Structure formats: structure tokens, C-alpha cells
Amino acid sequence: MNIAQINQPYDRLDDEEVILHNALDGDGQVMYRKDRPYNDLPLLPPAGVELENREILKACIRAHAALAELKQAGKRIPNQTVLINTIPLLEAQGSSEIENIVTTSDELFKLAALQSERDTDPETKEAYRYRTALQHGYREIRRRPLTAKMALEMCQILRDEKITLRQNPGVHIRNTASKEVVYTPPEGEGVLRQKLANWEQFMNNFKEVDPLVRLAVGHYQFEAIHPFDDGNGRTGRILNILFLLKERLLEIPVLYLSRYIVDLKRIYYDRIRGVTEEGNWQPWILFMVNAVTDTAMWTCAKIEAIADLMLETKHYLRDSLPKIYSHELNDVLFQQPYCRISDLVESKIAKRQTASVYLKSLCDIGILEERTIGRDKLFIHPKFLRLLCADEHGFEKYA
């Protein structure tokens, strides 16, 4: 179900309502109330829950195999900048779409090429900050554990402002269509810090559980804690990628996990509610593990197609323009689907005037197309851009 955070205080509780909130069911357990702060959110690992039954472990085996294949696919492209610059932008677009921040991959790649937010719409700026946050996390996770402090840093980049843990009471999660309250996260700084400390401990030290199961359980818990006023969903999805990097299941942040969640957004939220309201962990864990499998296979096919297009472009460029061809020039064409004269200059391929001639020659043979955007001149690589933005992985060969 598509839900959104609405910071709307609930009415002040009277004594009778407090008693109802803390009422016990027939088994002596605190009853969950979706319209009251869930300060009784259980700590991890969930008590009395079998996290690794036969079905879940079989799903984990498939996911590990898919991740191993993704690692191998990445090695087909020696210049990892090609992947680090491009796949995370797709993840940024998808993760933002889950939160109804709608932009296009084309706009994001354009912003990446221009490296200037001038004339860029707010939605694209906000989605682009997702890649910035992910790249910050990628640098940090190689030298630090996964912590609440790192999550805070990521959320600050996403929101482009200094933030703290959620302070104000009255935050509800509502259905965007009906405005019905579907969840009320825990309240109180002490409560949030306790829950986050437990989350850190589980993610970093509970090694007896398969890391993919820990990923699923930890992702649920972070979203249920809802530690920030805004940006929790996007922060949580970045943490998923960083966790896989920390566990060495990924080498670079190229798993386009948000694609799966966008396609199955209603199921994603229904499974989260199933854990909260019924303690139904297995469907949620299977959803997340299968998301890793599906996404790893899709991303692997995308990377293989990028490698094939790089080879196709290399041969066509070498045969058509042997005097300007170089391996370095072909690499620059794939660092982003848009490039500028300065990209060639900074890569020491040519000085500015010669670089301009090179790019115009590439336009003449159909590899690039020149485009003026405001006061900036960009050279678009249309085959590469179409390949990145399409759900399928094919491309037309050069004539």
C-alpha cells in the first residue's frame, strides 16, 4: 500500500485512552494500536521467531548465487567508474519514486553531466542527492561499521540540511488516498536511541543469521523505528546497499534494488504491515530476499549489455575514426550518457579545441548527438542513455 508520512499531531490523550493504549490482550501481551506510538516495538532478534526455515534458506541460496554472478559481471568493465556513475542514478530515481518524488533518469543523468543545479527542477535535485548520499556511504562503509550516526549523515545529505533524531510527537504514517492512520512509530529520544542501538547490534554482530535475512529484518526495524522526521524510506534503502557492501556480497554499489520495490510497492508495504500487526515475518523476509535475487539478475544483465555496447562502440569508433580513436576516449563516452568538452580535457585526451573537434566528429558518425541545454553544450550518447533507461537490455548495433 502506498503510504506517506504526515506530521499531524493526534489529539491529547486523556487517562482513559492511556489505559486503552496499554491494555492487555487475553494472553497478557500489550495490544498493538496503529494510532498510538509503537514504543513497545520488539527488540531484535524477534523473540520466538524462526528466521531461517527451509523455504527462507533456499531463497537465500538463490540470492547468494545471483549476487556472485553480479560480482563477476562487474569485472567485465575494468573501469568501475562506468558502473559507479550510472547504476546508482537508476537506484536514486527508483528510490525517490517510491516516495512519490517523480523525476526521470534522463534528467538525473543530465544533472550529473552539468554538475550544476541551475535550471533543474526540485524533484530532480532531491533524487540526485540520493546518489550523493549513497556515494558518501560507499566511502564510509569501507572504514566504519553500519551505525545510526551513518544513517543520520545519509539523511542529512538527502534532505540537504542539518537534522537530529525525531523530536516532535504526533507523527503518523497514513494511507495517501484515504488518510487513514496505518502506523504510528515510537516516540521519545530515549526510546529511539534504545531501538537504534539494538538495530546496530543486530546488523553488525548477529553473525549466526544469514546476512540476507539480517538485511530483511534490519530494514523492517529501521523503517518501524522511523528515526527522522523525513527521509526514512530513502535512508533505509541506502543502508540496504551499504550492508551488502559491508558483508562483501557487493564490491561496488550497483544493485538497483528500488526497481523491484517500485514494481511491487503495494506488496512491499503490505508485508511490512504484516510484521507489525501480526508478527508475520516469513512473507516479509522472502519478499526482501527475492528482491535481492531478482534485482541482482536484472542488474547483471544490464551490466553485461553495457559491456557489450562498450565493445561495439569501441570497434565502430576504431574503424570509423582511427586517427582519433583511443581506449581512453571510449571510456569517457561511458562514464555518463552525457559528456562535455571538459571531460576530454580533464581525462588528458585532448586540449579544449581538439576535444571539441573530436566530439563533433563523433556526432558526424552517429555515436553522439549535440544538445544545447540553457547556456551549456552537452553531447549525448543516445544508445547508452536508452540502454540505461530501458527496462530491457538490448541495443541496436551501429550501421
Protein backbone atom coordinates (compact mmCIF):
# COMPACT_ATOMS: atom_id res chain seq x y z
CA MET A 1 0.00 0.00 0.00
CA ASN A 2 1.31 3.44 -0.85
CA ILE A 3 1.75 5.34 2.41
CA ALA A 4 3.26 8.70 3.24
CA GLN A 5 4.34 10.45 6.41
CA ILE A 6 2.08 13.25 7.61
CA ASN A 7 3.28 15.22 10.62
CA GLN A 8 -0.13 15.80 12.15
CA PRO A 9 -0.44 15.71 15.96
CA TYR A 10 -3.08 13.42 17.34
CA ASP A 11 -5.50 14.70 19.98
CA ARG A 12 -4.15 14.86 23.55
CA LEU A 13 -4.77 11.57 25.37
CA ASP A 14 -6.96 11.53 28.44
CA ASP A 15 -6.42 8.99 31.24
CA GLU A 16 -8.95 6.54 29.83
CA GLU A 17 -7.26 6.48 26.44
CA VAL A 18 -3.86 5.90 28.04
CA ILE A 19 -5.30 2.86 29.79
CA LEU A 20 -6.70 1.62 26.47
CA HIS A 21 -3.33 2.12 24.79
CA ASN A 22 -1.61 -0.03 27.40
CA ALA A 23 -4.44 -2.56 27.69
CA LEU A 24 -3.51 -6.23 27.73
CA ASP A 25 -4.98 -8.88 25.50
CA GLY A 26 -6.14 -12.28 26.77
CA ASP A 27 -2.57 -13.63 26.83
CA GLY A 28 -1.26 -10.75 28.91
CA GLN A 29 0.53 -9.13 25.94
CA VAL A 30 0.44 -5.41 25.16
CA MET A 31 -2.02 -4.81 22.35
CA TYR A 32 -0.71 -3.05 19.24
CA ARG A 33 -2.62 0.11 18.34
CA LYS A 34 -1.81 1.61 14.95
CA ASP A 35 -2.96 5.08 16.08
CA ARG A 36 -0.68 5.14 19.18
CA PRO A 37 3.14 5.37 19.34
CA TYR A 38 4.60 1.88 19.00
CA ASN A 39 7.05 2.24 21.88
CA ASP A 40 6.66 -1.50 22.50
CA LEU A 41 8.26 -2.29 19.13
CA PRO A 42 10.10 -5.55 19.97
CA LEU A 43 13.88 -5.55 20.02
CA LEU A 44 15.92 -7.70 17.63
CA PRO A 45 16.18 -10.60 17.12
CA PRO A 46 12.40 -11.10 17.32
CA ALA A 47 11.63 -13.50 20.18
CA GLY A 48 10.18 -16.90 19.30
CA VAL A 49 10.51 -16.39 15.53
CA GLU A 50 12.20 -18.92 13.25
CA LEU A 51 14.09 -16.60 10.91
CA GLU A 52 15.74 -19.33 8.84
CA ASN A 53 13.30 -22.07 7.91
CA ARG A 54 13.77 -24.30 4.87
CA GLU A 55 11.95 -22.02 2.41
CA ILE A 56 13.87 -18.93 3.50
CA LEU A 57 17.24 -20.69 3.34
CA LYS A 58 16.50 -21.97 -0.17
CA ALA A 59 15.66 -18.41 -1.22
CA CYS A 60 18.92 -17.21 0.35
CA ILE A 61 20.94 -19.74 -1.67
CA ARG A 62 19.42 -18.40 -4.89
CA ALA A 63 20.11 -14.80 -3.84
CA HIS A 64 23.75 -15.51 -2.93
CA ALA A 65 24.26 -17.16 -6.33
CA ALA A 66 22.75 -14.15 -8.11
CA LEU A 67 24.97 -11.74 -6.15
CA ALA A 68 28.06 -13.81 -7.00
CA GLU A 69 27.11 -13.64 -10.68
CA LEU A 70 26.66 -9.88 -10.37
CA LYS A 71 30.18 -9.57 -8.96
CA GLN A 72 31.56 -11.45 -11.96
CA ALA A 73 29.57 -9.35 -14.42
CA GLY A 74 31.05 -6.18 -12.94
CA LYS A 75 34.54 -7.42 -13.75
CA ARG A 76 33.74 -7.26 -17.47
CA ILE A 77 34.08 -3.48 -17.17
CA PRO A 78 37.61 -2.71 -15.89
CA ASN A 79 36.81 0.98 -15.40
CA GLN A 80 34.40 0.72 -12.45
CA THR A 81 33.60 4.44 -12.73
CA VAL A 82 31.28 3.50 -15.58
CA LEU A 83 29.10 1.50 -13.18
CA ILE A 84 29.52 3.68 -10.08
CA ASN A 85 28.39 6.77 -12.02
CA THR A 86 25.38 5.21 -13.74
CA ILE A 87 23.61 2.37 -11.88
CA PRO A 88 23.29 4.37 -8.60
CA LEU A 89 21.45 7.08 -10.53
CA LEU A 90 18.87 4.50 -11.59
CA GLU A 91 18.60 3.46 -7.94
CA ALA A 92 18.21 7.13 -6.98
CA GLN A 93 15.38 7.61 -9.45
CA GLY A 94 13.61 4.42 -8.33
CA SER A 95 14.01 5.02 -4.59
CA SER A 96 12.68 8.56 -4.96
CA GLU A 97 9.72 7.31 -7.00
CA ILE A 98 8.71 5.07 -4.09
CA GLU A 99 8.28 8.26 -2.04
CA ASN A 100 6.36 9.95 -4.89
CA ILE A 101 9.33 12.16 -5.81
CA VAL A 102 8.97 11.83 -9.56
CA THR A 103 11.76 12.64 -11.98
CA THR A 104 13.29 10.83 -14.95
CA SER A 105 16.58 9.04 -15.38
CA ASP A 106 17.28 11.34 -18.32
CA GLU A 107 17.01 14.45 -16.11
CA LEU A 108 19.27 12.88 -13.47
CA PHE A 109 21.97 11.96 -15.99
CA LYS A 110 21.75 15.48 -17.43
CA LEU A 111 22.29 16.97 -13.96
CA ALA A 112 25.23 14.63 -13.39
CA ALA A 113 26.82 15.83 -16.62
CA LEU A 114 26.22 19.53 -15.99
CA GLN A 115 27.32 19.33 -12.33
CA SER A 116 25.16 22.39 -11.74
CA GLU A 117 21.64 22.62 -10.31
CA ARG A 118 20.85 25.73 -12.35
CA ASP A 119 17.51 25.32 -14.18
CA THR A 120 16.97 21.91 -12.52
CA ASP A 121 13.56 21.12 -11.01
CA PRO A 122 13.33 20.42 -7.24
CA GLU A 123 12.34 16.75 -7.73
CA THR A 124 15.46 16.04 -9.79
CA LYS A 125 17.68 17.83 -7.27
CA GLU A 126 16.18 15.79 -4.45
CA ALA A 127 16.58 12.49 -6.30
CA TYR A 128 20.16 13.37 -7.27
CA ARG A 129 21.06 13.84 -3.61
CA TYR A 130 20.25 10.15 -3.18
CA ARG A 131 23.27 9.26 -5.34
CA THR A 132 25.39 11.76 -3.42
CA ALA A 133 24.34 10.13 -0.12
CA LEU A 134 24.95 6.63 -1.48
CA GLN A 135 28.44 7.58 -2.68
CA HIS A 136 29.20 9.11 0.74
CA GLY A 137 28.09 5.88 2.39
CA TYR A 138 30.15 3.81 -0.05
CA ARG A 139 33.30 5.68 1.02
CA GLU A 140 32.47 5.45 4.73
CA ILE A 141 31.36 1.81 4.96
CA ARG A 142 34.84 0.64 3.97
CA ARG A 143 36.25 2.03 7.21
CA ARG A 144 33.32 2.16 9.65
CA PRO A 145 30.53 -0.15 10.85
CA LEU A 146 26.91 0.46 9.93
CA THR A 147 25.57 2.81 12.60
CA ALA A 148 22.74 5.18 13.40
CA LYS A 149 25.24 8.03 13.05
CA MET A 150 25.94 6.94 9.47
CA ALA A 151 22.19 6.80 8.81
CA LEU A 152 21.90 10.36 10.15
CA GLU A 153 24.69 11.53 7.82
CA MET A 154 22.92 9.94 4.86
CA CYS A 155 19.59 11.52 5.74
CA GLN A 156 21.22 14.95 6.12
CA ILE A 157 22.61 14.68 2.58
CA LEU A 158 19.23 13.53 1.25
CA ARG A 159 17.46 16.46 2.87
CA ASP A 160 20.30 18.96 2.35
CA GLU A 161 20.04 20.23 5.93
CA LYS A 162 21.22 19.57 9.46
CA ILE A 163 18.86 17.21 11.28
CA THR A 164 18.57 15.33 14.56
CA LEU A 165 16.58 12.34 15.72
CA ARG A 166 12.85 12.92 15.53
CA GLN A 167 11.81 15.20 18.41
CA ASN A 168 8.18 16.16 17.80
CA PRO A 169 5.34 13.87 18.89
CA GLY A 170 2.37 13.12 16.70
CA VAL A 171 3.99 11.60 13.62
CA HIS A 172 1.63 9.19 11.86
CA ILE A 173 2.04 7.08 8.75
CA ARG A 174 -1.13 7.39 6.68
CA ASN A 175 -2.61 5.93 3.54
CA THR A 176 -2.19 8.71 0.98
CA ALA A 177 -5.61 8.06 -0.58
CA SER A 178 -7.86 7.56 2.45
CA LYS A 179 -5.67 9.43 5.01
CA GLU A 180 -6.29 6.53 7.39
CA VAL A 181 -3.57 6.09 10.01
CA VAL A 182 -1.78 2.80 9.28
CA TYR A 183 1.13 3.13 11.70
CA THR A 184 2.44 5.38 14.47
CA PRO A 185 6.19 4.99 15.14
CA PRO A 186 7.81 5.06 18.59
CA GLU A 187 8.23 8.40 20.35
CA GLY A 188 10.79 9.91 22.71
CA GLU A 189 14.50 10.41 22.12
CA GLY A 190 15.44 7.82 24.73
CA VAL A 191 13.19 5.22 23.12
CA LEU A 192 14.55 5.95 19.63
CA ARG A 193 18.16 5.72 20.83
CA GLN A 194 17.48 2.39 22.53
CA LYS A 195 15.85 0.94 19.43
CA LEU A 196 18.63 2.20 17.15
CA ALA A 197 21.37 0.84 19.43
CA ASN A 198 19.70 -2.56 19.30
CA TRP A 199 19.38 -2.27 15.50
CA GLU A 200 23.12 -1.52 15.23
CA GLN A 201 23.98 -4.50 17.41
CA PHE A 202 21.84 -6.85 15.35
CA MET A 203 23.13 -5.66 11.98
CA ASN A 204 26.82 -5.75 12.94
CA ASN A 205 27.13 -8.63 15.39
CA PHE A 206 24.34 -11.18 14.89
CA LYS A 207 26.51 -13.28 12.55
CA GLU A 208 24.75 -16.61 13.15
CA VAL A 209 21.89 -15.46 10.89
CA ASP A 210 22.37 -15.32 7.10
CA PRO A 211 23.23 -11.73 6.10
CA LEU A 212 20.30 -11.58 3.67
CA VAL A 213 17.90 -12.47 6.48
CA ARG A 214 19.56 -9.81 8.64
CA LEU A 215 19.10 -7.36 5.77
CA ALA A 216 15.35 -8.04 5.66
CA VAL A 217 14.86 -7.96 9.43
CA GLY A 218 17.04 -4.88 9.87
CA HIS A 219 15.31 -2.99 7.05
CA TYR A 220 11.91 -3.61 8.64
CA GLN A 221 13.19 -2.49 12.05
CA PHE A 222 14.74 0.74 10.75
CA GLU A 223 11.52 1.68 8.94
CA ALA A 224 9.46 0.81 12.04
CA ILE A 225 11.69 2.96 14.29
CA HIS A 226 11.28 5.81 11.77
CA PRO A 227 14.02 7.83 13.48
CA PHE A 228 13.83 11.02 11.36
CA ASP A 229 11.06 13.47 10.53
CA ASP A 230 11.52 12.78 6.81
CA GLY A 231 13.71 10.69 4.51
CA ASN A 232 13.47 7.40 6.43
CA GLY A 233 12.50 5.27 3.42
CA ARG A 234 15.29 6.52 1.18
CA THR A 235 17.82 6.33 4.02
CA GLY A 236 16.75 2.77 4.78
CA ARG A 237 17.20 1.71 1.15
CA ILE A 238 20.70 3.21 1.06
CA LEU A 239 21.52 1.29 4.25
CA ASN A 240 20.49 -1.92 2.47
CA ILE A 241 23.17 -1.39 -0.18
CA LEU A 242 25.78 -0.39 2.40
CA PHE A 243 25.04 -3.51 4.44
CA LEU A 244 25.60 -5.73 1.38
CA LEU A 245 28.89 -3.92 0.77
CA LYS A 246 29.92 -4.38 4.41
CA GLU A 247 29.14 -8.10 4.19
CA ARG A 248 31.19 -8.30 0.96
CA LEU A 249 28.19 -9.51 -1.01
CA LEU A 250 28.72 -6.49 -3.28
CA GLU A 251 32.00 -4.85 -4.23
CA ILE A 252 30.55 -1.61 -5.60
CA PRO A 253 27.09 -0.05 -5.02
CA VAL A 254 25.40 -1.23 -8.22
CA LEU A 255 22.37 -3.20 -7.03
CA TYR A 256 19.24 -1.46 -8.39
CA LEU A 257 17.06 -2.74 -5.52
CA SER A 258 14.46 0.03 -5.67
CA ARG A 259 13.33 -1.17 -9.10
CA TYR A 260 11.79 -4.28 -7.51
CA ILE A 261 10.09 -2.25 -4.76
CA VAL A 262 8.66 0.25 -7.28
CA ASP A 263 7.15 -2.60 -9.28
CA LEU A 264 5.68 -4.26 -6.16
CA LYS A 265 5.15 -1.25 -3.92
CA ARG A 266 1.76 -2.34 -2.60
CA ILE A 267 3.09 -5.77 -1.63
CA TYR A 268 6.16 -4.14 -0.04
CA TYR A 269 4.01 -2.06 2.31
CA ASP A 270 1.54 -4.90 2.95
CA ARG A 271 4.40 -7.19 4.02
CA ILE A 272 5.73 -4.51 6.39
CA ARG A 273 2.28 -4.15 7.94
CA GLY A 274 2.04 -7.93 8.23
CA VAL A 275 5.10 -7.94 10.50
CA THR A 276 3.86 -5.02 12.59
CA GLU A 277 0.28 -6.12 13.04
CA GLU A 278 0.59 -9.93 13.01
CA GLY A 279 4.27 -10.74 13.59
CA ASN A 280 4.24 -12.38 10.18
CA TRP A 281 7.96 -12.41 9.39
CA GLN A 282 8.31 -15.11 6.74
CA PRO A 283 6.47 -13.35 3.85
CA TRP A 284 8.45 -10.16 4.54
CA ILE A 285 11.84 -11.93 4.65
CA LEU A 286 11.03 -13.88 1.47
CA PHE A 287 9.95 -10.66 -0.26
CA MET A 288 13.25 -8.94 0.52
CA VAL A 289 15.46 -11.95 -0.27
CA ASN A 290 13.63 -12.47 -3.57
CA ALA A 291 14.04 -8.74 -4.25
CA VAL A 292 17.81 -9.19 -3.99
CA THR A 293 17.72 -12.21 -6.34
CA ASP A 294 15.54 -10.54 -8.98
CA THR A 295 17.43 -7.26 -8.81
CA ALA A 296 20.86 -8.90 -8.94
CA MET A 297 19.86 -10.86 -12.06
CA TRP A 298 18.40 -7.74 -13.72
CA THR A 299 21.43 -5.60 -12.83
CA CYS A 300 23.75 -8.35 -14.04
CA ALA A 301 22.00 -8.40 -17.43
CA LYS A 302 22.20 -4.59 -17.59
CA ILE A 303 25.94 -4.61 -16.88
CA GLU A 304 26.52 -7.33 -19.49
CA ALA A 305 24.65 -5.19 -22.02
CA ILE A 306 26.73 -2.12 -21.11
CA ALA A 307 29.91 -4.15 -21.60
CA ASP A 308 28.64 -5.36 -25.00
CA LEU A 309 27.76 -1.80 -26.06
CA MET A 310 31.20 -0.57 -24.97
CA LEU A 311 32.82 -3.23 -27.16
CA GLU A 312 30.51 -2.46 -30.08
CA THR A 313 31.25 1.27 -29.79
CA LYS A 314 34.99 0.64 -29.50
CA HIS A 315 35.08 -1.34 -32.76
CA TYR A 316 32.88 1.16 -34.60
CA LEU A 317 34.91 4.14 -33.36
CA ARG A 318 38.23 2.49 -34.20
CA ASP A 319 37.07 1.55 -37.72
CA SER A 320 35.37 4.89 -38.46
CA LEU A 321 37.81 7.34 -36.87
CA PRO A 322 41.15 5.55 -36.46
CA LYS A 323 43.08 8.83 -36.13
CA ILE A 324 41.22 9.94 -33.00
CA TYR A 325 40.40 6.53 -31.52
CA SER A 326 41.81 5.65 -28.13
CA HIS A 327 40.76 3.31 -25.35
CA GLU A 328 40.56 6.34 -23.02
CA LEU A 329 38.18 8.17 -25.39
CA ASN A 330 35.85 5.17 -25.48
CA ASP A 331 35.93 5.06 -21.67
CA VAL A 332 34.88 8.71 -21.40
CA LEU A 333 31.87 8.01 -23.60
CA PHE A 334 30.59 5.57 -20.97
CA GLN A 335 31.32 7.41 -17.74
CA GLN A 336 27.99 9.21 -18.22
CA PRO A 337 25.48 9.11 -21.10
CA TYR A 338 26.12 12.87 -21.45
CA CYS A 339 29.63 14.31 -21.82
CA ARG A 340 31.25 17.70 -22.29
CA ILE A 341 34.39 19.07 -23.87
CA SER A 342 35.86 19.43 -20.39
CA ASP A 343 35.52 15.67 -19.80
CA LEU A 344 38.02 15.01 -22.58
CA VAL A 345 40.31 17.76 -21.34
CA GLU A 346 40.27 16.50 -17.74
CA SER A 347 40.98 12.96 -18.95
CA LYS A 348 44.04 14.34 -20.84
CA ILE A 349 42.71 13.00 -24.14
CA ALA A 350 42.97 16.36 -25.91
CA LYS A 351 43.16 20.09 -25.30
CA ARG A 352 39.94 22.06 -25.48
CA GLN A 353 39.90 22.98 -29.19
CA THR A 354 40.90 19.48 -30.28
CA ALA A 355 38.42 17.93 -27.85
CA SER A 356 35.65 19.96 -29.48
CA VAL A 357 36.68 18.61 -32.90
CA TYR A 358 36.71 15.06 -31.55
CA LEU A 359 33.19 15.32 -30.14
CA LYS A 360 31.81 16.85 -33.33
CA SER A 361 33.43 14.02 -35.30
CA LEU A 362 31.68 11.53 -33.02
CA CYS A 363 28.41 13.30 -33.81
CA ASP A 364 29.14 13.01 -37.55
CA ILE A 365 29.36 9.20 -37.35
CA GLY A 366 26.28 8.88 -35.11
CA ILE A 367 27.85 7.93 -31.77
CA LEU A 368 26.95 11.25 -30.13
CA GLU A 369 24.33 13.96 -30.61
CA GLU A 370 24.99 17.60 -29.74
CA ARG A 371 22.46 19.26 -27.49
CA THR A 372 22.30 22.76 -26.01
CA ILE A 373 20.74 23.00 -22.56
CA GLY A 374 20.45 26.60 -21.38
CA ARG A 375 23.95 28.02 -21.69
CA ASP A 376 25.58 24.58 -21.62
CA LYS A 377 26.58 22.39 -24.54
CA LEU A 378 26.29 18.65 -23.94
CA PHE A 379 26.99 15.66 -26.15
CA ILE A 380 24.50 12.89 -25.56
CA HIS A 381 25.33 9.22 -26.14
CA PRO A 382 21.83 8.08 -27.22
CA LYS A 383 22.43 4.31 -27.39
CA PHE A 384 23.93 4.33 -23.91
CA LEU A 385 21.16 6.53 -22.49
CA ARG A 386 18.40 4.36 -23.99
CA LEU A 387 20.08 1.23 -22.64
CA LEU A 388 20.32 2.66 -19.13
CA CYS A 389 16.76 3.98 -19.01
CA ALA A 390 15.03 0.94 -20.57
CA ASP A 391 13.80 -1.99 -18.53
CA GLU A 392 15.11 -4.37 -21.20
CA HIS A 393 18.78 -4.75 -22.09
CA GLY A 394 19.04 -4.68 -25.88
CA PHE A 395 20.54 -2.06 -28.21
CA GLU A 396 20.81 -1.51 -31.93
CA LYS A 397 24.25 -2.03 -33.44
CA TYR A 398 25.94 0.73 -35.41
CA ALA A 399 25.35 0.58 -39.17
